[in-house]
Amino acid sequence: MVQLLRASDISELTFDSINEKSATIKITQRKTGKPLTLPLLDDVKEALHDYLENARPMQDDSHIFLKARGKGSMASGCALYL
């Protein structure tokens, strides 16, 4: 069964959500409140590394995805388009 993350779950990802050693992503789903563990696929891992090295603004924030302009995480009420 394929599990997908909602945009709200993606926007709330933190560095603690990602475990490269066990190759997992662990979250608590925002909509349902249920814990979810997903595999960290190689393509996703590569895309995250690329984003962190080349696109993520330099901010002291534990969220992975940050606003492109201004400060703060996408979790703070931003729209997220996939």
C-alpha atoms as a PDB file:
ATOM      1  CA  MET A   1       0.000   0.000   0.000  1.00  0.00           C
ATOM      2  CA  VAL A   2       1.348   3.406  -0.971  1.00  0.00           C
ATOM      3  CA  GLN A   3       1.314   6.005   1.800  1.00  0.00           C
ATOM      4  CA  LEU A   4       1.351   9.678   0.886  1.00  0.00           C
ATOM      5  CA  LEU A   5       2.060  12.647   3.091  1.00  0.00           C
ATOM      6  CA  ARG A   6      -0.378  15.526   3.156  1.00  0.00           C
ATOM      7  CA  ALA A   7       1.003  18.986   2.404  1.00  0.00           C
ATOM      8  CA  SER A   8       0.412  19.929   6.050  1.00  0.00           C
ATOM      9  CA  ASP A   9       2.534  16.957   7.164  1.00  0.00           C
ATOM     10  CA  ILE A  10       5.333  17.868   4.754  1.00  0.00           C
ATOM     11  CA  SER A  11       5.354  21.490   5.909  1.00  0.00           C
ATOM     12  CA  GLU A  12       5.778  20.352   9.522  1.00  0.00           C
ATOM     13  CA  LEU A  13       8.720  17.999   8.896  1.00  0.00           C
ATOM     14  CA  THR A  14      11.648  18.669  11.204  1.00  0.00           C
ATOM     15  CA  PHE A  15      15.164  17.327  11.183  1.00  0.00           C
ATOM     16  CA  ASP A  16      14.096  14.983  14.002  1.00  0.00           C
ATOM     17  CA  SER A  17      11.479  13.474  11.646  1.00  0.00           C
ATOM     18  CA  ILE A  18      14.184  12.051   9.379  1.00  0.00           C
ATOM     19  CA  ASN A  19      16.332   9.098  10.435  1.00  0.00           C
ATOM     20  CA  GLU A  20      18.879   8.341   7.735  1.00  0.00           C
ATOM     21  CA  LYS A  21      20.353   5.440   9.695  1.00  0.00           C
ATOM     22  CA  SER A  22      17.071   3.518   9.725  1.00  0.00           C
ATOM     23  CA  ALA A  23      15.983   5.151   6.423  1.00  0.00           C
ATOM     24  CA  THR A  24      12.646   6.288   7.866  1.00  0.00           C
ATOM     25  CA  ILE A  25      10.475   9.359   8.172  1.00  0.00           C
ATOM     26  CA  LYS A  26       8.426   9.478  11.388  1.00  0.00           C
ATOM     27  CA  ILE A  27       5.593  11.929  11.870  1.00  0.00           C
ATOM     28  CA  THR A  28       2.326  12.359  13.666  1.00  0.00           C
ATOM     29  CA  GLN A  29      -0.283  13.105  11.032  1.00  0.00           C
ATOM     30  CA  ARG A  30      -1.719  16.554  11.534  1.00  0.00           C
ATOM     31  CA  LYS A  31      -5.226  15.675  10.330  1.00  0.00           C
ATOM     32  CA  THR A  32      -5.690  12.348  12.137  1.00  0.00           C
ATOM     33  CA  GLY A  33      -3.205  12.640  15.011  1.00  0.00           C
ATOM     34  CA  LYS A  34      -1.944   9.143  14.199  1.00  0.00           C
ATOM     35  CA  PRO A  35       1.774   8.304  14.167  1.00  0.00           C
ATOM     36  CA  LEU A  36       3.137   7.254  10.804  1.00  0.00           C
ATOM     37  CA  THR A  37       6.486   5.764   9.828  1.00  0.00           C
ATOM     38  CA  LEU A  38       7.429   5.767   6.154  1.00  0.00           C
ATOM     39  CA  PRO A  39      10.523   4.539   4.352  1.00  0.00           C
ATOM     40  CA  LEU A  40      13.023   7.227   3.371  1.00  0.00           C
ATOM     41  CA  LEU A  41      13.399   6.388  -0.297  1.00  0.00           C
ATOM     42  CA  ASP A  42      16.720   7.078  -2.006  1.00  0.00           C
ATOM     43  CA  ASP A  43      15.118   9.598  -4.405  1.00  0.00           C
ATOM     44  CA  VAL A  44      13.559  11.478  -1.503  1.00  0.00           C
ATOM     45  CA  LYS A  45      16.830  11.426   0.433  1.00  0.00           C
ATOM     46  CA  GLU A  46      18.725  12.818  -2.567  1.00  0.00           C
ATOM     47  CA  ALA A  47      16.106  15.532  -3.115  1.00  0.00           C
ATOM     48  CA  LEU A  48      16.272  16.539   0.575  1.00  0.00           C
ATOM     49  CA  HIS A  49      20.067  16.739   0.470  1.00  0.00           C
ATOM     50  CA  ASP A  50      19.891  18.857  -2.702  1.00  0.00           C
ATOM     51  CA  TYR A  51      17.335  21.205  -1.119  1.00  0.00           C
ATOM     52  CA  LEU A  52      19.338  21.527   2.105  1.00  0.00           C
ATOM     53  CA  GLU A  53      22.605  22.206   0.296  1.00  0.00           C
ATOM     54  CA  ASN A  54      21.334  24.463  -2.486  1.00  0.00           C
ATOM     55  CA  ALA A  55      17.973  26.021  -1.709  1.00  0.00           C
ATOM     56  CA  ARG A  56      17.095  26.106   2.005  1.00  0.00           C
ATOM     57  CA  PRO A  57      17.494  29.577   3.508  1.00  0.00           C
ATOM     58  CA  MET A  58      20.099  29.775   6.261  1.00  0.00           C
ATOM     59  CA  GLN A  59      17.953  29.987   9.387  1.00  0.00           C
ATOM     60  CA  ASP A  60      18.115  28.504  12.841  1.00  0.00           C
ATOM     61  CA  ASP A  61      14.834  26.571  12.577  1.00  0.00           C
ATOM     62  CA  SER A  62      14.259  22.864  13.154  1.00  0.00           C
ATOM     63  CA  HIS A  63      11.722  22.658  10.317  1.00  0.00           C
ATOM     64  CA  ILE A  64      13.141  21.356   7.058  1.00  0.00           C
ATOM     65  CA  PHE A  65      11.058  23.467   4.702  1.00  0.00           C
ATOM     66  CA  LEU A  66      11.196  27.214   5.229  1.00  0.00           C
ATOM     67  CA  LYS A  67       9.547  30.170   3.579  1.00  0.00           C
ATOM     68  CA  ALA A  68      11.445  31.369   0.525  1.00  0.00           C
ATOM     69  CA  ARG A  69      10.992  34.971   1.661  1.00  0.00           C
ATOM     70  CA  GLY A  70      10.945  36.144   5.215  1.00  0.00           C
ATOM     71  CA  LYS A  71      11.615  33.946   8.180  1.00  0.00           C
ATOM     72  CA  GLY A  72       9.910  30.921   9.566  1.00  0.00           C
ATOM     73  CA  SER A  73       8.714  27.519   8.575  1.00  0.00           C
ATOM     74  CA  MET A  74       6.096  26.605   6.038  1.00  0.00           C
ATOM     75  CA  ALA A  75       4.156  25.150   8.983  1.00  0.00           C
ATOM     76  CA  SER A  76       3.268  28.629  10.174  1.00  0.00           C
ATOM     77  CA  GLY A  77       0.254  29.048   7.897  1.00  0.00           C
ATOM     78  CA  CYS A  78       1.825  29.113   4.436  1.00  0.00           C
ATOM     79  CA  ALA A  79       0.182  27.529   1.439  1.00  0.00           C
ATOM     80  CA  LEU A  80       2.113  24.616   0.030  1.00  0.00           C
ATOM     81  CA  TYR A  81       1.735  23.595  -3.585  1.00  0.00           C
ATOM     82  CA  LEU A  82       2.993  20.239  -4.823  1.00  0.00           C
END
